[in-house]
Amino acid sequence: MGWSYDFWRSHLYPKDASSDEYLEYYSKIFNSVEVNNTFYRMPRVQVLEGWSEKTPKNFKFAVKAPRKITHSPSLVYDVGYLEEFLRRIRGLEEKLGPILFQLPPRLKSDKLEAVKSLLAALPTDLLYVMEFRNNSWFSNPTYRLLEKYNVSLVQTGEKSEQVVSAGHLYFRWEGDRRKVDGNLGKVEVDRYETTRMWAEKLNGYLRQGMEIFGYFSKFYSGYPPEDAAQMLNLLRKN
C-alpha cells in the first residue's frame, strides 16, 4: 500500500522522477491509494493539501487511523486526538475515502464494548473500515456491531468467505512475507490465478451495486502496480 517507493522508478514512474512527483504519476494510472504514514503521525494540513492538489478530482485516499488511537491500551484513547485527526483529513473533502482502523493482534474480542464506544463516537457522514488481527473477533457479535454502524470488515484474503457488514467493501491483499521480498520493483511470484479468483468475487459485489476499495501489499506478488493493473483488467472483461 502507498506510493512512495523509489524502486518503482523506471516502471511505474519515470527513471528521473523525484519523490515529490510520485503521487501525481500514480494518480494518472490508479484512482485510489491507501495511506499508511498517518498510522505513525498526525498528518500536517499542508501535506494533505499537497496530496489533493496533485491528484485528479475522482481520486480517493483511504486513510489509516493513527496507532495512538488503535493501539492504545484496551482501546482507551485520547478523544481530542481522534477529533483533531478527523478534522484534518476532512480537508481532503471529496477525495477522502474510507478511514481504516487497524487493531493490534493483542486486542481480543473481550473488548467488544470498547470497539462499540469507538464506533459510536465517529461522525456518521464518513466511511469507516475495521481490520481485526486477532481471530477471536470473527464471530456474529462483531459482525452485528459493524453492521449497526455501517462499518466494513476488512477482507484480507485469508478467509474463504467474505462478511458484508456495510454498503462498501474493503480488501487488503497482503501476500506472504516469507516468500516475497517486495523491494525489488518487479513481480516475484505469479499470482494471476488468485487475482482472477478475486476478480470473479468482486464482480459479483459490483453487480449488487456495492462500492469496493482494494489494495495490494508489496508482498502479494512483489509489485503492487502490476497486481492492481491486472485486477482492473480482469474486472473490465466481465
Protein backbone atom coordinates (compact mmCIF):
# COMPACT_ATOMS: atom_id res chain seq x y z
CA MET A 1 0.00 0.00 0.00
CA GLY A 2 1.16 3.59 -0.55
CA TRP A 3 3.02 5.15 -3.46
CA SER A 4 6.39 6.36 -2.19
CA TYR A 5 8.71 3.62 -3.42
CA ASP A 6 11.98 4.51 -5.16
CA PHE A 7 12.25 1.01 -6.61
CA TRP A 8 9.13 1.67 -8.72
CA ARG A 9 11.20 4.06 -10.84
CA SER A 10 11.69 3.02 -14.46
CA HIS A 11 8.47 1.01 -14.14
CA LEU A 12 5.53 2.96 -12.75
CA TYR A 13 7.48 6.22 -12.51
CA PRO A 14 9.97 7.76 -14.93
CA LYS A 15 13.59 6.99 -14.10
CA ASP A 16 14.34 10.63 -13.34
CA ALA A 17 11.16 11.32 -11.31
CA SER A 18 11.57 12.90 -7.90
CA SER A 19 9.74 11.51 -4.87
CA ASP A 20 7.56 14.64 -4.86
CA GLU A 21 6.25 13.62 -8.28
CA TYR A 22 5.39 10.01 -7.44
CA LEU A 23 1.80 10.64 -6.35
CA GLU A 24 1.00 12.66 -9.46
CA TYR A 25 2.24 9.85 -11.72
CA TYR A 26 0.48 7.22 -9.61
CA SER A 27 -2.86 9.02 -9.79
CA LYS A 28 -2.73 9.15 -13.59
CA ILE A 29 -3.00 5.35 -13.62
CA PHE A 30 -4.93 4.42 -10.46
CA ASN A 31 -7.87 6.18 -8.81
CA SER A 32 -7.20 5.36 -5.16
CA VAL A 33 -4.42 4.67 -2.67
CA GLU A 34 -4.17 3.53 0.94
CA VAL A 35 -2.19 5.99 3.07
CA ASN A 36 -0.02 4.33 5.69
CA ASN A 37 2.03 7.18 7.18
CA THR A 38 -0.99 8.60 9.02
CA PHE A 39 -0.74 5.49 11.20
CA TYR A 40 2.53 6.78 12.63
CA ARG A 41 1.90 10.51 12.94
CA MET A 42 -0.79 13.17 12.76
CA PRO A 43 -0.94 14.38 9.13
CA ARG A 44 0.02 18.00 8.56
CA VAL A 45 -2.60 20.17 6.88
CA GLN A 46 -0.09 21.33 4.26
CA VAL A 47 0.73 17.74 3.34
CA LEU A 48 -2.93 16.86 2.88
CA GLU A 49 -3.42 19.95 0.72
CA GLY A 50 -0.46 18.88 -1.40
CA TRP A 51 -1.91 15.42 -1.94
CA SER A 52 -5.21 16.90 -3.02
CA GLU A 53 -3.56 19.32 -5.45
CA LYS A 54 -1.55 16.55 -7.14
CA THR A 55 -4.46 14.21 -7.81
CA PRO A 56 -7.50 14.24 -10.15
CA LYS A 57 -10.97 15.11 -8.96
CA ASN A 58 -12.16 11.49 -8.78
CA PHE A 59 -9.16 10.25 -6.76
CA LYS A 60 -9.75 8.71 -3.32
CA PHE A 61 -7.43 8.44 -0.32
CA ALA A 62 -8.09 5.60 2.11
CA VAL A 63 -6.50 6.86 5.31
CA LYS A 64 -5.21 4.66 8.12
CA ALA A 65 -6.15 5.91 11.59
CA PRO A 66 -3.23 6.68 13.93
CA ARG A 67 -1.84 3.93 16.14
CA LYS A 68 -2.14 6.38 19.03
CA ILE A 69 -5.85 5.55 18.79
CA THR A 70 -6.00 1.96 17.55
CA HIS A 71 -3.08 0.65 19.62
CA SER A 72 -3.85 2.45 22.86
CA PRO A 73 -4.10 0.03 25.83
CA SER A 74 -7.55 -1.59 25.89
CA LEU A 75 -8.57 0.92 23.21
CA VAL A 76 -8.74 3.73 25.76
CA TYR A 77 -7.70 6.61 23.51
CA ASP A 78 -7.34 10.38 23.54
CA VAL A 79 -10.70 11.67 22.28
CA GLY A 80 -9.23 15.05 21.40
CA TYR A 81 -6.56 13.41 19.26
CA LEU A 82 -9.20 11.48 17.30
CA GLU A 83 -11.26 14.63 16.79
CA GLU A 84 -8.21 16.54 15.52
CA PHE A 85 -7.28 13.70 13.17
CA LEU A 86 -10.77 13.65 11.68
CA ARG A 87 -10.82 17.44 11.40
CA ARG A 88 -7.59 17.44 9.41
CA ILE A 89 -8.38 14.64 7.00
CA ARG A 90 -11.73 16.24 6.23
CA GLY A 91 -9.57 18.75 4.36
CA LEU A 92 -9.33 16.16 1.58
CA GLU A 93 -13.04 16.82 1.03
CA GLU A 94 -14.48 14.66 -1.78
CA LYS A 95 -11.14 12.86 -2.14
CA LEU A 96 -11.42 11.34 1.33
CA GLY A 97 -12.24 7.66 1.07
CA PRO A 98 -12.59 5.14 3.91
CA ILE A 99 -10.82 5.56 7.23
CA LEU A 100 -9.10 2.33 8.23
CA PHE A 101 -8.94 1.32 11.89
CA GLN A 102 -6.40 -1.49 12.11
CA LEU A 103 -6.50 -3.09 15.56
CA PRO A 104 -3.47 -4.92 17.02
CA PRO A 105 -3.22 -8.72 17.43
CA ARG A 106 -3.16 -8.38 21.22
CA LEU A 107 -6.67 -6.86 21.29
CA LYS A 108 -9.22 -9.64 21.75
CA SER A 109 -12.97 -9.73 21.40
CA ASP A 110 -13.50 -9.27 25.14
CA LYS A 111 -13.00 -5.59 24.28
CA LEU A 112 -16.15 -5.52 22.15
CA GLU A 113 -17.64 -2.74 24.27
CA ALA A 114 -14.52 -0.63 23.73
CA VAL A 115 -14.89 -1.04 19.97
CA LYS A 116 -18.56 -0.15 20.28
CA SER A 117 -17.67 3.05 22.15
CA LEU A 118 -15.19 4.00 19.42
CA LEU A 119 -17.69 3.41 16.63
CA ALA A 120 -20.42 5.30 18.46
CA ALA A 121 -18.10 8.32 18.74
CA LEU A 122 -17.43 8.53 15.00
CA PRO A 123 -19.28 11.04 12.77
CA THR A 124 -21.79 9.23 10.57
CA ASP A 125 -21.04 11.15 7.37
CA LEU A 126 -17.70 9.41 6.71
CA LEU A 127 -16.80 5.89 5.56
CA TYR A 128 -15.08 3.54 8.01
CA VAL A 129 -13.48 0.12 7.80
CA MET A 130 -12.03 -2.02 10.58
CA GLU A 131 -9.35 -4.68 10.47
CA PHE A 132 -9.10 -7.20 13.30
CA ARG A 133 -5.82 -9.05 13.70
CA ASN A 134 -6.97 -11.45 16.38
CA ASN A 135 -9.17 -14.37 15.31
CA SER A 136 -11.41 -14.07 18.35
CA TRP A 137 -13.21 -11.20 16.61
CA PHE A 138 -14.56 -13.25 13.74
CA SER A 139 -17.99 -14.04 15.13
CA ASN A 140 -21.58 -12.83 14.89
CA PRO A 141 -21.45 -10.27 17.74
CA THR A 142 -18.66 -8.46 15.90
CA TYR A 143 -20.45 -8.60 12.57
CA ARG A 144 -23.68 -7.30 14.07
CA LEU A 145 -21.85 -4.40 15.71
CA LEU A 146 -20.14 -3.41 12.45
CA GLU A 147 -23.43 -3.67 10.56
CA LYS A 148 -25.15 -1.42 13.11
CA TYR A 149 -22.63 1.36 12.46
CA ASN A 150 -22.21 0.68 8.71
CA VAL A 151 -18.53 -0.18 9.17
CA SER A 152 -16.93 -2.56 6.68
CA LEU A 153 -14.92 -5.52 7.92
CA VAL A 154 -11.58 -5.52 6.14
CA GLN A 155 -11.18 -8.60 3.95
CA THR A 156 -7.58 -9.81 3.90
CA GLY A 157 -7.93 -12.78 1.59
CA GLU A 158 -7.15 -15.24 4.38
CA LYS A 159 -10.80 -16.21 4.94
CA SER A 160 -12.60 -18.22 2.27
CA GLU A 161 -15.91 -16.45 2.93
CA GLN A 162 -16.42 -12.69 2.96
CA VAL A 163 -18.55 -10.92 5.54
CA VAL A 164 -20.58 -7.99 4.26
CA SER A 165 -21.33 -5.57 7.09
CA ALA A 166 -21.73 -2.29 5.18
CA GLY A 167 -22.57 -0.84 1.79
CA HIS A 168 -18.87 -0.59 0.97
CA LEU A 169 -16.24 -3.33 0.88
CA TYR A 170 -12.54 -3.05 1.65
CA PHE A 171 -9.90 -5.58 0.57
CA ARG A 172 -6.23 -5.73 1.60
CA TRP A 173 -4.32 -8.42 -0.28
CA GLU A 174 -1.23 -8.94 1.85
CA GLY A 175 0.70 -11.91 0.47
CA ASP A 176 3.46 -13.91 2.15
CA ARG A 177 6.45 -12.02 3.57
CA ARG A 178 8.40 -15.27 3.78
CA LYS A 179 8.26 -15.77 0.01
CA VAL A 180 8.34 -12.22 -1.35
CA ASP A 181 10.99 -9.55 -0.79
CA GLY A 182 8.79 -6.72 -2.07
CA ASN A 183 11.66 -4.28 -2.53
CA LEU A 184 12.89 -5.38 -5.95
CA GLY A 185 10.42 -3.41 -8.07
CA LYS A 186 9.28 -6.46 -10.02
CA VAL A 187 6.88 -9.40 -9.90
CA GLU A 188 8.48 -12.16 -7.84
CA VAL A 189 5.56 -14.62 -7.59
CA ASP A 190 2.90 -15.26 -10.23
CA ARG A 191 -0.45 -14.59 -8.52
CA TYR A 192 -2.60 -14.42 -11.65
CA GLU A 193 -4.93 -17.30 -10.75
CA THR A 194 -5.51 -15.94 -7.26
CA THR A 195 -6.18 -12.47 -8.64
CA ARG A 196 -8.57 -13.91 -11.24
CA MET A 197 -10.49 -15.72 -8.48
CA TRP A 198 -10.83 -12.48 -6.52
CA ALA A 199 -11.92 -10.59 -9.63
CA GLU A 200 -14.82 -13.02 -10.07
CA LYS A 201 -15.92 -12.41 -6.48
CA LEU A 202 -15.58 -8.65 -6.81
CA ASN A 203 -17.67 -8.62 -9.97
CA GLY A 204 -20.46 -10.28 -8.03
CA TYR A 205 -20.38 -7.47 -5.49
CA LEU A 206 -20.21 -4.82 -8.21
CA ARG A 207 -23.33 -6.26 -9.82
CA GLN A 208 -25.04 -5.73 -6.46
CA GLY A 209 -24.10 -2.05 -6.63
CA MET A 210 -21.53 -2.17 -3.84
CA GLU A 211 -18.63 0.28 -3.63
CA ILE A 212 -15.30 -1.53 -3.46
CA PHE A 213 -11.88 -0.39 -2.30
CA GLY A 214 -8.95 -2.77 -2.74
CA TYR A 215 -5.20 -2.51 -2.27
CA PHE A 216 -2.24 -4.83 -2.79
CA SER A 217 0.72 -5.12 -0.46
CA LYS A 218 4.22 -5.29 -1.92
CA PHE A 219 4.33 -8.83 -0.51
CA TYR A 220 1.47 -10.09 -2.69
CA SER A 221 3.49 -10.64 -5.86
CA GLY A 222 6.33 -8.21 -5.24
CA TYR A 223 4.99 -5.43 -7.46
CA PRO A 224 1.62 -3.90 -6.47
CA PRO A 225 1.18 -1.72 -9.59
CA GLU A 226 1.15 -4.86 -11.74
CA ASP A 227 -1.29 -6.57 -9.38
CA ALA A 228 -3.67 -3.59 -9.40
CA ALA A 229 -3.49 -3.25 -13.19
CA GLN A 230 -4.15 -6.96 -13.60
CA MET A 231 -7.15 -6.79 -11.29
CA LEU A 232 -8.61 -3.80 -13.15
CA ASN A 233 -8.18 -5.55 -16.50
CA LEU A 234 -9.92 -8.66 -15.21
CA LEU A 235 -12.81 -6.61 -13.84
CA ARG A 236 -13.23 -4.78 -17.14
CA LYS A 237 -13.51 -8.07 -19.03
CA ASN A 238 -16.61 -9.09 -17.09
